[in-house]
C-alpha atoms as a PDB file:
ATOM      1  CA  MET A   1      26.115  -8.484 -14.727  1.00  0.00           C
ATOM      2  CA  ASP A   2      28.972 -10.970 -14.586  1.00  0.00           C
ATOM      3  CA  THR A   3      26.945 -14.136 -14.855  1.00  0.00           C
ATOM      4  CA  ASP A   4      24.294 -15.288 -17.298  1.00  0.00           C
ATOM      5  CA  MET A   5      20.701 -14.742 -16.219  1.00  0.00           C
ATOM      6  CA  ARG A   6      18.330 -17.648 -15.905  1.00  0.00           C
ATOM      7  CA  ILE A   7      14.722 -16.978 -16.893  1.00  0.00           C
ATOM      8  CA  ARG A   8      11.974 -19.301 -15.743  1.00  0.00           C
ATOM      9  CA  ALA A   9       8.195 -19.492 -15.672  1.00  0.00           C
ATOM     10  CA  ALA A  10       6.748 -17.811 -12.615  1.00  0.00           C
ATOM     11  CA  ARG A  11       5.175 -20.030  -9.991  1.00  0.00           C
ATOM     12  CA  TRP A  12       2.013 -19.396  -8.008  1.00  0.00           C
ATOM     13  CA  ALA A  13       4.170 -18.438  -5.032  1.00  0.00           C
ATOM     14  CA  ASP A  14       5.735 -15.674  -7.146  1.00  0.00           C
ATOM     15  CA  LYS A  15       2.434 -13.836  -7.589  1.00  0.00           C
ATOM     16  CA  GLU A  16       2.915 -11.317  -4.788  1.00  0.00           C
ATOM     17  CA  PRO A  17       6.645 -10.719  -5.427  1.00  0.00           C
ATOM     18  CA  VAL A  18       5.956 -10.106  -9.120  1.00  0.00           C
ATOM     19  CA  ALA A  19       3.165  -7.641  -8.305  1.00  0.00           C
ATOM     20  CA  ALA A  20       5.459  -5.824  -5.880  1.00  0.00           C
ATOM     21  CA  LEU A  21       8.250  -5.757  -8.469  1.00  0.00           C
ATOM     22  CA  ILE A  22       6.028  -4.182 -11.131  1.00  0.00           C
ATOM     23  CA  ALA A  23       4.684  -1.675  -8.611  1.00  0.00           C
ATOM     24  CA  ALA A  24       8.227  -0.676  -7.605  1.00  0.00           C
ATOM     25  CA  ALA A  25       9.191  -0.161 -11.247  1.00  0.00           C
ATOM     26  CA  LEU A  26       6.037   1.790 -12.026  1.00  0.00           C
ATOM     27  CA  HIS A  27       5.927   3.873  -8.838  1.00  0.00           C
ATOM     28  CA  PRO A  28       8.183   6.799  -9.916  1.00  0.00           C
ATOM     29  CA  THR A  29       6.527   7.248 -13.329  1.00  0.00           C
ATOM     30  CA  PRO A  30       4.047   9.967 -14.325  1.00  0.00           C
ATOM     31  CA  LEU A  31       1.541   7.239 -15.175  1.00  0.00           C
ATOM     32  CA  ALA A  32       1.616   5.915 -11.607  1.00  0.00           C
ATOM     33  CA  ALA A  33       1.179   9.435 -10.255  1.00  0.00           C
ATOM     34  CA  TRP A  34      -1.861   9.886 -12.490  1.00  0.00           C
ATOM     35  CA  LEU A  35      -3.360   6.563 -11.421  1.00  0.00           C
ATOM     36  CA  VAL A  36      -2.755   7.188  -7.711  1.00  0.00           C
ATOM     37  CA  PRO A  37      -2.028  10.875  -7.020  1.00  0.00           C
ATOM     38  CA  ASP A  38      -1.505  10.310  -3.295  1.00  0.00           C
ATOM     39  CA  PRO A  39       2.139   9.201  -2.860  1.00  0.00           C
ATOM     40  CA  ALA A  40       1.415   7.926   0.653  1.00  0.00           C
ATOM     41  CA  VAL A  41      -0.758   5.089  -0.681  1.00  0.00           C
ATOM     42  CA  ARG A  42       0.541   4.774  -4.234  1.00  0.00           C
ATOM     43  CA  CYS A  43       2.808   1.772  -3.728  1.00  0.00           C
ATOM     44  CA  ARG A  44       0.201  -0.197  -1.794  1.00  0.00           C
ATOM     45  CA  VAL A  45      -2.581   0.531  -4.285  1.00  0.00           C
ATOM     46  CA  LEU A  46      -0.411  -0.349  -7.285  1.00  0.00           C
ATOM     47  CA  THR A  47       0.740  -3.591  -5.677  1.00  0.00           C
ATOM     48  CA  ASP A  48      -2.778  -4.665  -4.735  1.00  0.00           C
ATOM     49  CA  VAL A  49      -4.229  -3.898  -8.180  1.00  0.00           C
ATOM     50  CA  LEU A  50      -1.324  -5.533  -9.967  1.00  0.00           C
ATOM     51  CA  ALA A  51      -1.720  -8.671  -7.855  1.00  0.00           C
ATOM     52  CA  ILE A  52      -5.187  -9.109  -9.393  1.00  0.00           C
ATOM     53  CA  TRP A  53      -3.762  -9.058 -12.905  1.00  0.00           C
ATOM     54  CA  VAL A  54      -0.712 -11.185 -12.159  1.00  0.00           C
ATOM     55  CA  GLU A  55      -3.036 -13.815 -10.698  1.00  0.00           C
ATOM     56  CA  HIS A  56      -5.299 -13.555 -13.752  1.00  0.00           C
ATOM     57  CA  ALA A  57      -2.312 -14.177 -16.025  1.00  0.00           C
ATOM     58  CA  MET A  58      -1.666 -17.432 -14.198  1.00  0.00           C
ATOM     59  CA  PHE A  59      -4.976 -18.669 -15.627  1.00  0.00           C
ATOM     60  CA  TYR A  60      -5.167 -16.891 -18.992  1.00  0.00           C
ATOM     61  CA  GLY A  61      -1.562 -16.177 -19.897  1.00  0.00           C
ATOM     62  CA  ASP A  62       1.828 -16.555 -18.332  1.00  0.00           C
ATOM     63  CA  SER A  63       4.545 -14.802 -16.393  1.00  0.00           C
ATOM     64  CA  HIS A  64       8.315 -15.226 -16.597  1.00  0.00           C
ATOM     65  CA  VAL A  65      10.907 -14.019 -14.132  1.00  0.00           C
ATOM     66  CA  THR A  66      14.629 -13.946 -13.637  1.00  0.00           C
ATOM     67  CA  ASP A  67      15.741 -16.241 -10.845  1.00  0.00           C
ATOM     68  CA  ASP A  68      16.579 -13.259  -8.649  1.00  0.00           C
ATOM     69  CA  LEU A  69      13.028 -11.879  -9.131  1.00  0.00           C
ATOM     70  CA  ASN A  70      14.417  -8.552 -10.280  1.00  0.00           C
ATOM     71  CA  ALA A  71      12.736  -8.704 -13.695  1.00  0.00           C
ATOM     72  CA  ALA A  72       9.433 -10.082 -14.932  1.00  0.00           C
ATOM     73  CA  THR A  73       7.070 -10.229 -17.858  1.00  0.00           C
ATOM     74  CA  VAL A  74       3.333 -10.782 -17.505  1.00  0.00           C
ATOM     75  CA  GLY A  75       1.122 -11.412 -20.502  1.00  0.00           C
ATOM     76  CA  PHE A  76      -2.150 -12.846 -21.750  1.00  0.00           C
ATOM     77  CA  HIS A  77      -2.927 -15.401 -24.456  1.00  0.00           C
ATOM     78  CA  ARG A  78      -5.530 -13.548 -26.457  1.00  0.00           C
ATOM     79  CA  TYR A  79      -6.319 -16.350 -28.876  1.00  0.00           C
ATOM     80  CA  ARG A  80      -9.980 -15.732 -28.074  1.00  0.00           C
ATOM     81  CA  PRO A  81     -11.826 -13.356 -25.734  1.00  0.00           C
ATOM     82  CA  ILE A  82     -10.949 -13.859 -22.101  1.00  0.00           C
ATOM     83  CA  PRO A  83     -13.066 -12.877 -19.117  1.00  0.00           C
ATOM     84  CA  PRO A  84     -12.113 -10.212 -16.590  1.00  0.00           C
ATOM     85  CA  PRO A  85     -10.563 -11.390 -13.324  1.00  0.00           C
ATOM     86  CA  ALA A  86     -12.925 -13.127 -10.930  1.00  0.00           C
ATOM     87  CA  ASN A  87     -14.953 -10.629  -8.860  1.00  0.00           C
ATOM     88  CA  TYR A  88     -12.971  -7.877 -10.535  1.00  0.00           C
ATOM     89  CA  ARG A  89     -15.258  -4.960  -9.718  1.00  0.00           C
ATOM     90  CA  HIS A  90     -15.340  -5.780  -6.020  1.00  0.00           C
ATOM     91  CA  ARG A  91     -11.612  -6.564  -5.873  1.00  0.00           C
ATOM     92  CA  LEU A  92     -10.617  -3.403  -7.756  1.00  0.00           C
ATOM     93  CA  THR A  93     -12.694  -1.261  -5.420  1.00  0.00           C
ATOM     94  CA  ASP A  94     -11.097  -2.929  -2.410  1.00  0.00           C
ATOM     95  CA  ALA A  95      -7.600  -2.497  -3.856  1.00  0.00           C
ATOM     96  CA  ALA A  96      -7.844   1.005  -5.318  1.00  0.00           C
ATOM     97  CA  GLY A  97     -10.635   2.649  -3.342  1.00  0.00           C
ATOM     98  CA  PRO A  98     -11.302   6.168  -4.679  1.00  0.00           C
ATOM     99  CA  HIS A  99      -8.678   5.652  -7.392  1.00  0.00           C
ATOM    100  CA  ALA A 100     -10.536   2.744  -9.038  1.00  0.00           C
ATOM    101  CA  HIS A 101     -12.056   4.991 -11.704  1.00  0.00           C
ATOM    102  CA  ARG A 102      -8.562   5.885 -12.963  1.00  0.00           C
ATOM    103  CA  PHE A 103      -7.725   2.218 -13.517  1.00  0.00           C
ATOM    104  CA  ASP A 104     -11.066   1.755 -15.280  1.00  0.00           C
ATOM    105  CA  GLN A 105     -10.359   4.720 -17.535  1.00  0.00           C
ATOM    106  CA  LEU A 106      -6.913   3.432 -18.437  1.00  0.00           C
ATOM    107  CA  ASP A 107      -8.290  -0.042 -19.083  1.00  0.00           C
ATOM    108  CA  THR A 108     -10.865   1.344 -21.516  1.00  0.00           C
ATOM    109  CA  LEU A 109      -8.362   3.511 -23.391  1.00  0.00           C
ATOM    110  CA  LEU A 110      -5.857   0.673 -23.779  1.00  0.00           C
ATOM    111  CA  ALA A 111      -8.488  -1.786 -25.005  1.00  0.00           C
ATOM    112  CA  GLU A 112      -9.698   0.305 -27.930  1.00  0.00           C
ATOM    113  CA  PRO A 113      -6.771  -0.128 -30.361  1.00  0.00           C
ATOM    114  CA  ARG A 114      -5.921  -3.705 -29.411  1.00  0.00           C
ATOM    115  CA  PRO A 115      -6.133  -6.121 -32.389  1.00  0.00           C
ATOM    116  CA  ASN A 116      -8.988  -8.582 -32.739  1.00  0.00           C
ATOM    117  CA  GLU A 117      -6.836 -11.299 -34.272  1.00  0.00           C
ATOM    118  CA  PRO A 118      -5.179 -13.916 -32.045  1.00  0.00           C
ATOM    119  CA  HIS A 119      -2.112 -12.419 -30.401  1.00  0.00           C
ATOM    120  CA  TYR A 120      -0.029 -12.345 -27.271  1.00  0.00           C
ATOM    121  CA  HIS A 121      -0.650  -9.324 -25.069  1.00  0.00           C
ATOM    122  CA  LEU A 122       2.524  -8.351 -23.232  1.00  0.00           C
ATOM    123  CA  ALA A 123       0.864  -6.452 -20.409  1.00  0.00           C
ATOM    124  CA  PHE A 124       3.922  -5.806 -18.249  1.00  0.00           C
ATOM    125  CA  LEU A 125       7.677  -5.807 -18.528  1.00  0.00           C
ATOM    126  CA  ALA A 126       9.321  -4.677 -15.310  1.00  0.00           C
ATOM    127  CA  VAL A 127      12.833  -4.377 -13.928  1.00  0.00           C
ATOM    128  CA  HIS A 128      13.365  -3.389 -10.315  1.00  0.00           C
ATOM    129  CA  PRO A 129      14.808   0.142 -10.049  1.00  0.00           C
ATOM    130  CA  ASP A 130      17.830  -1.183  -8.132  1.00  0.00           C
ATOM    131  CA  ALA A 131      18.629  -3.714 -10.871  1.00  0.00           C
ATOM    132  CA  ARG A 132      18.555  -1.601 -14.030  1.00  0.00           C
ATOM    133  CA  GLY A 133      21.381  -1.327 -16.513  1.00  0.00           C
ATOM    134  CA  ALA A 134      22.437  -4.975 -16.283  1.00  0.00           C
ATOM    135  CA  GLY A 135      20.577  -6.247 -19.352  1.00  0.00           C
ATOM    136  CA  ARG A 136      17.559  -7.761 -17.637  1.00  0.00           C
ATOM    137  CA  ALA A 137      14.925  -6.047 -19.798  1.00  0.00           C
ATOM    138  CA  THR A 138      16.824  -7.011 -22.940  1.00  0.00           C
ATOM    139  CA  ALA A 139      17.101 -10.595 -21.714  1.00  0.00           C
ATOM    140  CA  MET A 140      13.385 -10.764 -20.960  1.00  0.00           C
ATOM    141  CA  LEU A 141      12.387  -9.342 -24.337  1.00  0.00           C
ATOM    142  CA  THR A 142      14.765 -11.680 -26.168  1.00  0.00           C
ATOM    143  CA  HIS A 143      13.290 -14.660 -24.352  1.00  0.00           C
ATOM    144  CA  HIS A 144       9.751 -13.432 -25.000  1.00  0.00           C
ATOM    145  CA  ARG A 145      10.464 -12.828 -28.686  1.00  0.00           C
ATOM    146  CA  SER A 146      11.949 -16.261 -29.285  1.00  0.00           C
ATOM    147  CA  ARG A 147       8.983 -17.989 -27.658  1.00  0.00           C
ATOM    148  CA  LEU A 148       6.491 -16.154 -29.873  1.00  0.00           C
ATOM    149  CA  ASP A 149       8.504 -16.746 -33.025  1.00  0.00           C
ATOM    150  CA  ARG A 150       8.322 -20.489 -32.378  1.00  0.00           C
ATOM    151  CA  ILE A 151       4.510 -20.386 -32.390  1.00  0.00           C
ATOM    152  CA  ASP A 152       4.214 -17.751 -35.141  1.00  0.00           C
ATOM    153  CA  LEU A 153       2.203 -15.332 -33.047  1.00  0.00           C
ATOM    154  CA  PRO A 154       2.143 -11.519 -33.111  1.00  0.00           C
ATOM    155  CA  SER A 155       2.646  -9.566 -29.910  1.00  0.00           C
ATOM    156  CA  TRP A 156       1.012  -6.362 -28.699  1.00  0.00           C
ATOM    157  CA  THR A 157       2.098  -4.089 -25.895  1.00  0.00           C
ATOM    158  CA  ASP A 158       1.664  -0.548 -24.632  1.00  0.00           C
ATOM    159  CA  THR A 159       4.822   1.303 -23.681  1.00  0.00           C
ATOM    160  CA  THR A 160       5.840   4.487 -22.023  1.00  0.00           C
ATOM    161  CA  THR A 161       7.958   6.834 -24.085  1.00  0.00           C
ATOM    162  CA  ASP A 162      11.173   5.967 -22.236  1.00  0.00           C
ATOM    163  CA  ALA A 163      10.805   2.290 -23.192  1.00  0.00           C
ATOM    164  CA  HIS A 164       9.991   2.960 -26.835  1.00  0.00           C
ATOM    165  CA  ILE A 165      13.544   2.582 -28.156  1.00  0.00           C
ATOM    166  CA  LEU A 166      14.126  -0.751 -26.431  1.00  0.00           C
ATOM    167  CA  TYR A 167      10.968  -2.272 -27.891  1.00  0.00           C
ATOM    168  CA  THR A 168      11.850  -0.942 -31.329  1.00  0.00           C
ATOM    169  CA  LEU A 169      15.179  -2.748 -31.136  1.00  0.00           C
ATOM    170  CA  HIS A 170      13.234  -5.966 -30.569  1.00  0.00           C
ATOM    171  CA  GLY A 171      11.084  -5.605 -33.657  1.00  0.00           C
ATOM    172  CA  TYR A 172       8.092  -3.695 -32.328  1.00  0.00           C
ATOM    173  CA  THR A 173       6.583  -0.941 -34.452  1.00  0.00           C
ATOM    174  CA  PRO A 174       4.566   1.956 -33.015  1.00  0.00           C
ATOM    175  CA  ARG A 175       0.862   2.475 -33.509  1.00  0.00           C
ATOM    176  CA  PRO A 176      -1.014   5.757 -33.007  1.00  0.00           C
ATOM    177  CA  PRO A 177      -0.398   7.045 -29.479  1.00  0.00           C
ATOM    178  CA  ILE A 178      -2.970   6.962 -26.723  1.00  0.00           C
ATOM    179  CA  ARG A 179      -3.591  10.314 -25.074  1.00  0.00           C
ATOM    180  CA  LEU A 180      -4.434  10.206 -21.399  1.00  0.00           C
ATOM    181  CA  PRO A 181      -5.701  13.139 -19.351  1.00  0.00           C
ATOM    182  CA  ASP A 182      -3.131  15.606 -18.054  1.00  0.00           C
ATOM    183  CA  GLY A 183      -0.995  15.279 -21.169  1.00  0.00           C
ATOM    184  CA  LEU A 184       0.230  11.723 -20.614  1.00  0.00           C
ATOM    185  CA  THR A 185       0.951   9.614 -23.688  1.00  0.00           C
ATOM    186  CA  LEU A 186       1.266   5.864 -24.112  1.00  0.00           C
ATOM    187  CA  CYS A 187       2.495   4.159 -27.254  1.00  0.00           C
ATOM    188  CA  PRO A 188       0.848   0.919 -28.402  1.00  0.00           C
ATOM    189  CA  MET A 189       3.330  -1.271 -30.283  1.00  0.00           C
ATOM    190  CA  ARG A 190       3.014  -4.399 -32.366  1.00  0.00           C
ATOM    191  CA  ARG A 191       5.521  -7.055 -33.321  1.00  0.00           C
ATOM    192  CA  ASP A 192       4.903  -9.630 -36.029  1.00  0.00           C
ATOM    193  CA  PRO A 193       6.687 -12.974 -35.673  1.00  0.00           C
ATOM    194  CA  ASP A 194      10.014 -13.477 -37.398  1.00  0.00           C
ATOM    195  CA  ARG A 195       9.365 -16.509 -39.560  1.00  0.00           C
ATOM    196  CA  SER A 196      13.067 -16.881 -40.318  1.00  0.00           C
ATOM    197  CA  SER A 197      13.771 -17.612 -36.652  1.00  0.00           C
ATOM    198  CA  ASP A 198      14.593 -21.231 -35.889  1.00  0.00           C
ATOM    199  CA  THR A 199      15.854 -21.161 -32.330  1.00  0.00           C
ATOM    200  CA  TRP A 200      14.310 -22.247 -29.080  1.00  0.00           C
ATOM    201  CA  PRO A 201      13.917 -19.696 -26.303  1.00  0.00           C
ATOM    202  CA  THR A 202      17.185 -19.052 -24.540  1.00  0.00           C
ATOM    203  CA  ASN A 203      17.950 -18.328 -20.926  1.00  0.00           C
ATOM    204  CA  ARG A 204      21.365 -16.862 -21.652  1.00  0.00           C
ATOM    205  CA  ALA A 205      21.709 -13.171 -22.370  1.00  0.00           C
ATOM    206  CA  ARG A 206      24.390 -10.535 -22.148  1.00  0.00           C
ATOM    207  CA  PRO A 207      23.847  -7.028 -20.774  1.00  0.00           C
ATOM    208  CA  ALA A 208      22.811  -4.343 -23.221  1.00  0.00           C
ATOM    209  CA  ALA A 209      23.466  -0.637 -22.976  1.00  0.00           C
ATOM    210  CA  ALA A 210      19.944   0.187 -24.176  1.00  0.00           C
ATOM    211  CA  ASP A 211      18.418  -1.583 -21.182  1.00  0.00           C
ATOM    212  CA  GLN A 212      16.987   1.199 -19.043  1.00  0.00           C
ATOM    213  CA  THR A 213      13.288   0.293 -19.122  1.00  0.00           C
ATOM    214  CA  SER A 214      11.269  -0.114 -15.979  1.00  0.00           C
ATOM    215  CA  ALA A 215       7.752  -1.300 -16.689  1.00  0.00           C
ATOM    216  CA  ALA A 216       5.065  -1.476 -19.302  1.00  0.00           C
ATOM    217  CA  PRO A 217       1.849   0.462 -18.540  1.00  0.00           C
ATOM    218  CA  SER A 218       0.090  -0.343 -15.335  1.00  0.00           C
ATOM    219  CA  ALA A 219      -3.191  -2.065 -16.098  1.00  0.00           C
ATOM    220  CA  ALA A 220      -3.725  -5.129 -18.229  1.00  0.00           C
ATOM    221  CA  ARG A 221      -6.900  -5.125 -20.270  1.00  0.00           C
ATOM    222  CA  ARG A 222      -9.923  -7.268 -20.230  1.00  0.00           C
END
């Protein structure tokens, strides 16, 4: 990328584009195929389910995007227990139909190792497949990291194996893996704040060769 990327807080109007972005990034992964085995409906189901969680983050967390809407983070402020999305059971059934039980199963598995202490839950990091390799994931993680360091808060996320290296470069350490049916593995990761950091979040970032990540796992947790 020849120009610096600008990262901003997502607006309410960005809810659907952000859900579609995460779905596009997740669509070709084995996790997406496990969640929605039918490729004919996979993109629609992922987008509709993700829209529930992106909306929920507008109330109980935050979302940040690049100005071109080719990269996004979505996370939750888990300073205390937060409720599930409004009418979640009915909305999930409408969105996922016969695949709803897979999302429930993933949600339960991801919730078990999550820390009880106050933390930021980075539920999704996504870069559109057509925009990879230009440093967007690195820029988003750098911005995310600097914000959390300012408030001295740990971060928790669940990654796919292909994203593991990138998160490690940003200070995340792996926790015991989560085994899903059919041999799938997800890697919970934790990052403690860097108390030596004394910089405000930045919107300027250069491309990084390690930036090949697409998305964090598909379902945020209650």
